[in-house]
C-alpha atoms as a PDB file:
ATOM      1  CA  UNK A   1     -12.786 -73.710 -14.354  1.00  0.00           C
ATOM      2  CA  UNK A   2     -10.368 -72.693 -12.483  1.00  0.00           C
ATOM      3  CA  UNK A   3      -7.122 -74.207 -11.675  1.00  0.00           C
ATOM      4  CA  UNK A   4      -6.278 -76.704  -9.357  1.00  0.00           C
ATOM      5  CA  UNK A   5      -4.708 -74.792  -5.994  1.00  0.00           C
ATOM      6  CA  UNK A   6      -1.581 -76.390  -6.852  1.00  0.00           C
ATOM      7  CA  UNK A   7      -1.446 -74.154 -10.048  1.00  0.00           C
ATOM      8  CA  UNK A   8      -3.054 -71.264  -7.957  1.00  0.00           C
ATOM      9  CA  UNK A   9      -0.610 -71.714  -5.090  1.00  0.00           C
ATOM     10  CA  UNK A  10       2.004 -71.517  -8.172  1.00  0.00           C
ATOM     11  CA  UNK A  11       1.432 -67.933  -9.399  1.00  0.00           C
ATOM     12  CA  UNK A  12       0.652 -66.719  -6.104  1.00  0.00           C
ATOM     13  CA  UNK A  13       4.387 -67.439  -4.789  1.00  0.00           C
ATOM     14  CA  UNK A  14       5.518 -66.504  -8.050  1.00  0.00           C
ATOM     15  CA  UNK A  15       4.054 -63.205  -7.802  1.00  0.00           C
ATOM     16  CA  UNK A  16       5.384 -62.280  -4.203  1.00  0.00           C
ATOM     17  CA  UNK A  17       9.145 -63.007  -5.425  1.00  0.00           C
ATOM     18  CA  UNK A  18       8.721 -61.355  -8.252  1.00  0.00           C
ATOM     19  CA  UNK A  19       7.296 -58.116  -6.048  1.00  0.00           C
ATOM     20  CA  UNK A  20       5.696 -55.403  -7.985  1.00  0.00           C
ATOM     21  CA  UNK A  21       6.569 -56.833 -11.314  1.00  0.00           C
ATOM     22  CA  UNK A  22       3.512 -58.930 -10.764  1.00  0.00           C
ATOM     23  CA  UNK A  23       4.220 -61.578 -13.548  1.00  0.00           C
ATOM     24  CA  UNK A  24       6.871 -62.588 -15.383  1.00  0.00           C
ATOM     25  CA  UNK A  25       7.050 -63.660 -19.404  1.00  0.00           C
ATOM     26  CA  UNK A  26       6.096 -67.168 -19.180  1.00  0.00           C
ATOM     27  CA  UNK A  27       3.479 -66.783 -16.453  1.00  0.00           C
ATOM     28  CA  UNK A  28       1.873 -63.686 -18.745  1.00  0.00           C
ATOM     29  CA  UNK A  29       2.259 -66.185 -22.033  1.00  0.00           C
ATOM     30  CA  UNK A  30       0.128 -69.080 -19.742  1.00  0.00           C
ATOM     31  CA  UNK A  31      -1.978 -67.144 -17.776  1.00  0.00           C
ATOM     32  CA  UNK A  32      -5.165 -68.426 -16.812  1.00  0.00           C
ATOM     33  CA  UNK A  33      -6.571 -65.474 -15.645  1.00  0.00           C
ATOM     34  CA  UNK A  34      -9.606 -66.719 -13.589  1.00  0.00           C
ATOM     35  CA  UNK A  35      -6.847 -68.157 -11.647  1.00  0.00           C
ATOM     36  CA  UNK A  36      -4.572 -65.301 -11.311  1.00  0.00           C
ATOM     37  CA  UNK A  37      -8.133 -63.108 -10.488  1.00  0.00           C
ATOM     38  CA  UNK A  38      -9.089 -66.141  -8.248  1.00  0.00           C
ATOM     39  CA  UNK A  39      -5.738 -65.200  -6.300  1.00  0.00           C
ATOM     40  CA  UNK A  40      -6.097 -62.014  -5.874  1.00  0.00           C
ATOM     41  CA  UNK A  41      -9.543 -61.698  -4.755  1.00  0.00           C
ATOM     42  CA  UNK A  42      -8.357 -64.404  -2.159  1.00  0.00           C
ATOM     43  CA  UNK A  43      -5.338 -61.959  -1.180  1.00  0.00           C
ATOM     44  CA  UNK A  44      -8.390 -59.296  -0.918  1.00  0.00           C
ATOM     45  CA  UNK A  45      -6.276 -57.310  -3.602  1.00  0.00           C
ATOM     46  CA  UNK A  46      -8.741 -54.853  -5.482  1.00  0.00           C
ATOM     47  CA  UNK A  47      -9.587 -55.301  -8.770  1.00  0.00           C
ATOM     48  CA  UNK A  48      -7.608 -52.612 -10.110  1.00  0.00           C
ATOM     49  CA  UNK A  49      -4.857 -55.067  -9.928  1.00  0.00           C
ATOM     50  CA  UNK A  50      -5.409 -56.674 -12.967  1.00  0.00           C
ATOM     51  CA  UNK A  51      -4.027 -52.917 -14.321  1.00  0.00           C
ATOM     52  CA  UNK A  52      -0.821 -53.955 -12.801  1.00  0.00           C
ATOM     53  CA  UNK A  53      -0.790 -57.284 -14.220  1.00  0.00           C
ATOM     54  CA  UNK A  54      -1.842 -55.560 -17.693  1.00  0.00           C
ATOM     55  CA  UNK A  55       1.234 -53.303 -17.537  1.00  0.00           C
ATOM     56  CA  UNK A  56       3.854 -56.277 -16.447  1.00  0.00           C
ATOM     57  CA  UNK A  57       2.599 -58.387 -19.133  1.00  0.00           C
ATOM     58  CA  UNK A  58       2.258 -55.482 -21.965  1.00  0.00           C
ATOM     59  CA  UNK A  59       6.049 -55.793 -22.341  1.00  0.00           C
ATOM     60  CA  UNK A  60       5.638 -59.077 -23.794  1.00  0.00           C
ATOM     61  CA  UNK A  61       2.502 -58.843 -26.050  1.00  0.00           C
ATOM     62  CA  UNK A  62       0.142 -60.374 -23.773  1.00  0.00           C
ATOM     63  CA  UNK A  63      -3.118 -58.676 -22.753  1.00  0.00           C
ATOM     64  CA  UNK A  64      -5.156 -59.845 -19.712  1.00  0.00           C
ATOM     65  CA  UNK A  65      -8.452 -61.018 -20.399  1.00  0.00           C
ATOM     66  CA  UNK A  66     -10.201 -58.777 -18.280  1.00  0.00           C
ATOM     67  CA  UNK A  67     -13.472 -60.724 -17.921  1.00  0.00           C
ATOM     68  CA  UNK A  68     -12.187 -64.117 -16.960  1.00  0.00           C
ATOM     69  CA  UNK A  69     -10.026 -62.392 -13.545  1.00  0.00           C
ATOM     70  CA  UNK A  70     -13.282 -60.294 -13.247  1.00  0.00           C
ATOM     71  CA  UNK A  71     -15.031 -63.810 -12.587  1.00  0.00           C
ATOM     72  CA  UNK A  72     -12.225 -65.622 -10.505  1.00  0.00           C
ATOM     73  CA  UNK A  73     -11.763 -62.166  -8.496  1.00  0.00           C
ATOM     74  CA  UNK A  74     -15.588 -62.638  -7.815  1.00  0.00           C
ATOM     75  CA  UNK A  75     -15.042 -65.824  -6.728  1.00  0.00           C
ATOM     76  CA  UNK A  76     -11.373 -65.464  -4.552  1.00  0.00           C
ATOM     77  CA  UNK A  77     -13.410 -62.643  -3.124  1.00  0.00           C
ATOM     78  CA  UNK A  78     -16.421 -64.476  -1.460  1.00  0.00           C
ATOM     79  CA  UNK A  79     -13.682 -66.789   0.036  1.00  0.00           C
ATOM     80  CA  UNK A  80     -11.741 -63.461   1.469  1.00  0.00           C
ATOM     81  CA  UNK A  81     -14.978 -61.939   2.931  1.00  0.00           C
ATOM     82  CA  UNK A  82     -14.935 -63.753   6.188  1.00  0.00           C
ATOM     83  CA  UNK A  83     -14.958 -62.900   9.565  1.00  0.00           C
ATOM     84  CA  UNK A  84     -11.817 -64.810  10.031  1.00  0.00           C
ATOM     85  CA  UNK A  85      -9.592 -63.826   7.311  1.00  0.00           C
ATOM     86  CA  UNK A  86     -11.053 -59.956   8.499  1.00  0.00           C
ATOM     87  CA  UNK A  87      -9.394 -60.731  11.797  1.00  0.00           C
ATOM     88  CA  UNK A  88      -6.226 -62.643   9.768  1.00  0.00           C
ATOM     89  CA  UNK A  89      -5.304 -59.855   7.835  1.00  0.00           C
ATOM     90  CA  UNK A  90      -6.356 -56.812  10.506  1.00  0.00           C
ATOM     91  CA  UNK A  91      -3.887 -58.709  13.153  1.00  0.00           C
ATOM     92  CA  UNK A  92      -1.235 -58.544  10.003  1.00  0.00           C
ATOM     93  CA  UNK A  93      -1.761 -54.668   9.805  1.00  0.00           C
ATOM     94  CA  UNK A  94      -2.556 -55.356   5.961  1.00  0.00           C
ATOM     95  CA  UNK A  95      -5.144 -52.770   4.409  1.00  0.00           C
ATOM     96  CA  UNK A  96      -8.944 -53.753   3.683  1.00  0.00           C
ATOM     97  CA  UNK A  97      -9.191 -52.484  -0.069  1.00  0.00           C
ATOM     98  CA  UNK A  98     -13.036 -52.321   0.196  1.00  0.00           C
ATOM     99  CA  UNK A  99     -13.679 -55.991  -1.832  1.00  0.00           C
ATOM    100  CA  UNK A 100     -16.475 -56.801   0.088  1.00  0.00           C
ATOM    101  CA  UNK A 101     -19.922 -55.662   0.486  1.00  0.00           C
ATOM    102  CA  UNK A 102     -23.195 -55.902   1.896  1.00  0.00           C
ATOM    103  CA  UNK A 103     -23.551 -58.195   4.766  1.00  0.00           C
ATOM    104  CA  UNK A 104     -20.123 -60.273   4.178  1.00  0.00           C
ATOM    105  CA  UNK A 105     -18.683 -56.554   4.414  1.00  0.00           C
ATOM    106  CA  UNK A 106     -19.915 -56.292   7.615  1.00  0.00           C
ATOM    107  CA  UNK A 107     -19.045 -59.538   8.766  1.00  0.00           C
ATOM    108  CA  UNK A 108     -15.351 -59.281   7.432  1.00  0.00           C
ATOM    109  CA  UNK A 109     -14.860 -55.813   8.787  1.00  0.00           C
ATOM    110  CA  UNK A 110     -16.140 -57.279  12.469  1.00  0.00           C
ATOM    111  CA  UNK A 111     -13.179 -59.713  12.141  1.00  0.00           C
ATOM    112  CA  UNK A 112     -10.912 -57.123  10.784  1.00  0.00           C
ATOM    113  CA  UNK A 113     -11.102 -54.364  13.509  1.00  0.00           C
ATOM    114  CA  UNK A 114     -10.984 -57.047  15.819  1.00  0.00           C
ATOM    115  CA  UNK A 115      -7.458 -58.199  14.292  1.00  0.00           C
ATOM    116  CA  UNK A 116      -6.474 -54.650  13.844  1.00  0.00           C
ATOM    117  CA  UNK A 117      -7.193 -54.341  17.722  1.00  0.00           C
ATOM    118  CA  UNK A 118      -4.034 -57.055  18.132  1.00  0.00           C
ATOM    119  CA  UNK A 119      -2.434 -55.742  15.666  1.00  0.00           C
ATOM    120  CA  UNK A 120      -2.074 -51.640  17.240  1.00  0.00           C
ATOM    121  CA  UNK A 121      -1.053 -53.352  20.671  1.00  0.00           C
ATOM    122  CA  UNK A 122       1.485 -55.575  19.231  1.00  0.00           C
ATOM    123  CA  UNK A 123       3.113 -52.758  17.658  1.00  0.00           C
ATOM    124  CA  UNK A 124       3.192 -50.764  20.771  1.00  0.00           C
ATOM    125  CA  UNK A 125       4.568 -53.492  22.389  1.00  0.00           C
ATOM    126  CA  UNK A 126       7.380 -53.414  19.774  1.00  0.00           C
ATOM    127  CA  UNK A 127       7.957 -50.137  20.222  1.00  0.00           C
ATOM    128  CA  UNK A 128       8.640 -50.391  23.657  1.00  0.00           C
ATOM    129  CA  UNK A 129      10.862 -53.570  22.982  1.00  0.00           C
ATOM    130  CA  UNK A 130      12.814 -51.118  20.798  1.00  0.00           C
ATOM    131  CA  UNK A 131      13.177 -48.451  23.086  1.00  0.00           C
ATOM    132  CA  UNK A 132      14.128 -50.857  25.715  1.00  0.00           C
ATOM    133  CA  UNK A 133      16.937 -51.893  23.642  1.00  0.00           C
ATOM    134  CA  UNK A 134      17.994 -49.000  22.551  1.00  0.00           C
ATOM    135  CA  UNK A 135      18.266 -47.829  26.098  1.00  0.00           C
ATOM    136  CA  UNK A 136      20.086 -50.657  27.406  1.00  0.00           C
ATOM    137  CA  UNK A 137      22.982 -49.923  24.646  1.00  0.00           C
ATOM    138  CA  UNK A 138      23.019 -46.544  25.380  1.00  0.00           C
ATOM    139  CA  UNK A 139      23.375 -47.658  29.033  1.00  0.00           C
ATOM    140  CA  UNK A 140      26.299 -50.375  28.402  1.00  0.00           C
ATOM    141  CA  UNK A 141      28.529 -47.800  26.556  1.00  0.00           C
ATOM    142  CA  UNK A 142      28.026 -45.484  28.912  1.00  0.00           C
ATOM    143  CA  UNK A 143      29.371 -47.962  31.781  1.00  0.00           C
ATOM    144  CA  UNK A 144      32.342 -48.950  29.684  1.00  0.00           C
ATOM    145  CA  UNK A 145      33.207 -45.095  29.198  1.00  0.00           C
ATOM    146  CA  UNK A 146      32.763 -44.566  33.069  1.00  0.00           C
ATOM    147  CA  UNK A 147      35.171 -47.526  33.870  1.00  0.00           C
ATOM    148  CA  UNK A 148      37.079 -46.086  30.858  1.00  0.00           C
ATOM    149  CA  UNK A 149      37.862 -43.171  32.835  1.00  0.00           C
ATOM    150  CA  UNK A 150      38.367 -44.226  36.378  1.00  0.00           C
ATOM    151  CA  UNK A 151      41.206 -46.590  35.119  1.00  0.00           C
ATOM    152  CA  UNK A 152      42.395 -43.177  33.880  1.00  0.00           C
ATOM    153  CA  UNK A 153      41.473 -41.008  37.002  1.00  0.00           C
ATOM    154  CA  UNK A 154      43.636 -43.981  39.062  1.00  0.00           C
ATOM    155  CA  UNK A 155      46.722 -43.771  36.689  1.00  0.00           C
ATOM    156  CA  UNK A 156      50.087 -42.257  38.138  1.00  0.00           C
ATOM    157  CA  UNK A 157      50.749 -40.825  34.731  1.00  0.00           C
ATOM    158  CA  UNK A 158      47.265 -38.407  35.096  1.00  0.00           C
ATOM    159  CA  UNK A 159      47.449 -34.653  35.425  1.00  0.00           C
ATOM    160  CA  UNK A 160      45.623 -33.016  38.052  1.00  0.00           C
ATOM    161  CA  UNK A 161      44.027 -30.803  35.516  1.00  0.00           C
ATOM    162  CA  UNK A 162      42.940 -34.538  33.955  1.00  0.00           C
ATOM    163  CA  UNK A 163      42.301 -35.779  37.014  1.00  0.00           C
ATOM    164  CA  UNK A 164      39.254 -32.681  37.259  1.00  0.00           C
ATOM    165  CA  UNK A 165      38.304 -33.166  33.688  1.00  0.00           C
ATOM    166  CA  UNK A 166      37.404 -37.016  34.388  1.00  0.00           C
ATOM    167  CA  UNK A 167      36.064 -36.265  37.177  1.00  0.00           C
ATOM    168  CA  UNK A 168      33.424 -34.291  35.664  1.00  0.00           C
ATOM    169  CA  UNK A 169      32.950 -36.179  32.882  1.00  0.00           C
ATOM    170  CA  UNK A 170      32.079 -39.259  35.130  1.00  0.00           C
ATOM    171  CA  UNK A 171      29.631 -37.412  37.048  1.00  0.00           C
ATOM    172  CA  UNK A 172      27.972 -36.398  33.810  1.00  0.00           C
ATOM    173  CA  UNK A 173      27.900 -40.030  32.546  1.00  0.00           C
ATOM    174  CA  UNK A 174      26.329 -41.427  35.607  1.00  0.00           C
ATOM    175  CA  UNK A 175      23.861 -38.604  35.881  1.00  0.00           C
ATOM    176  CA  UNK A 176      23.172 -39.556  32.554  1.00  0.00           C
ATOM    177  CA  UNK A 177      23.216 -43.454  33.779  1.00  0.00           C
ATOM    178  CA  UNK A 178      20.481 -42.618  36.216  1.00  0.00           C
ATOM    179  CA  UNK A 179      18.100 -41.017  33.602  1.00  0.00           C
ATOM    180  CA  UNK A 180      18.313 -43.778  31.498  1.00  0.00           C
ATOM    181  CA  UNK A 181      17.926 -46.675  34.073  1.00  0.00           C
ATOM    182  CA  UNK A 182      14.987 -44.847  34.746  1.00  0.00           C
ATOM    183  CA  UNK A 183      13.496 -45.101  31.684  1.00  0.00           C
ATOM    184  CA  UNK A 184      13.903 -48.353  31.172  1.00  0.00           C
ATOM    185  CA  UNK A 185      12.071 -48.751  33.913  1.00  0.00           C
ATOM    186  CA  UNK A 186       9.100 -46.603  32.811  1.00  0.00           C
ATOM    187  CA  UNK A 187       9.532 -48.409  29.472  1.00  0.00           C
ATOM    188  CA  UNK A 188       9.061 -51.648  31.128  1.00  0.00           C
ATOM    189  CA  UNK A 189       6.255 -50.431  32.947  1.00  0.00           C
ATOM    190  CA  UNK A 190       4.555 -49.333  30.193  1.00  0.00           C
ATOM    191  CA  UNK A 191       4.980 -52.475  27.914  1.00  0.00           C
ATOM    192  CA  UNK A 192       3.673 -54.996  30.721  1.00  0.00           C
ATOM    193  CA  UNK A 193       0.186 -52.387  30.988  1.00  0.00           C
ATOM    194  CA  UNK A 194       0.335 -53.242  26.959  1.00  0.00           C
ATOM    195  CA  UNK A 195       1.164 -57.168  27.301  1.00  0.00           C
ATOM    196  CA  UNK A 196      -1.841 -57.155  29.905  1.00  0.00           C
ATOM    197  CA  UNK A 197      -3.796 -55.026  27.594  1.00  0.00           C
ATOM    198  CA  UNK A 198      -3.116 -57.642  25.029  1.00  0.00           C
ATOM    199  CA  UNK A 199      -3.740 -60.994  26.636  1.00  0.00           C
ATOM    200  CA  UNK A 200      -7.079 -59.056  27.710  1.00  0.00           C
ATOM    201  CA  UNK A 201      -8.442 -58.436  23.851  1.00  0.00           C
ATOM    202  CA  UNK A 202     -11.183 -60.804  22.303  1.00  0.00           C
ATOM    203  CA  UNK A 203     -10.092 -63.904  20.569  1.00  0.00           C
ATOM    204  CA  UNK A 204     -12.716 -64.910  18.223  1.00  0.00           C
ATOM    205  CA  UNK A 205     -13.368 -68.639  18.112  1.00  0.00           C
ATOM    206  CA  UNK A 206     -13.645 -68.520  13.480  1.00  0.00           C
END
């Protein structure tokens, strides 16, 4: 039988903490391979994940129980292959590893593809946010440059040739500021369109 949920979650947390190494020595030596397979299955990992466990545990002279792992994995996949889990995976941008089959895969992919639509639009909104922040940062610096140059322009110690150069720089920066301000407005407009699009996306009641 599969271990308690607490044990399974403990394995999951440790796997996440150790990254690609999957399991440490204590986990390898004490592993309930059915539970490990079950947890991998509920996360949508392919059965090939056991190869990573095998590699991690080889250093400690431990070989996974493949049959137990696969049995647990099959049970975990049944829990994973639902429209709700598909929607969640798609919305988070996770990759589907093809672990579902038949009608379960059809149902899972229906949710997954809907979730991917949410993810894609969210990513586009985030990209516009980044572009706006980057442009506003450049605008802030350019405005500082203009103020500094204007201060030098009216300084009594500034020569006529220096004033001419400063005026040229100021005009150049003001043109750049105008272009960036227009670009920010364009980004904000495009972002608003995507936000409206996101609000209209299908939100299945799974």
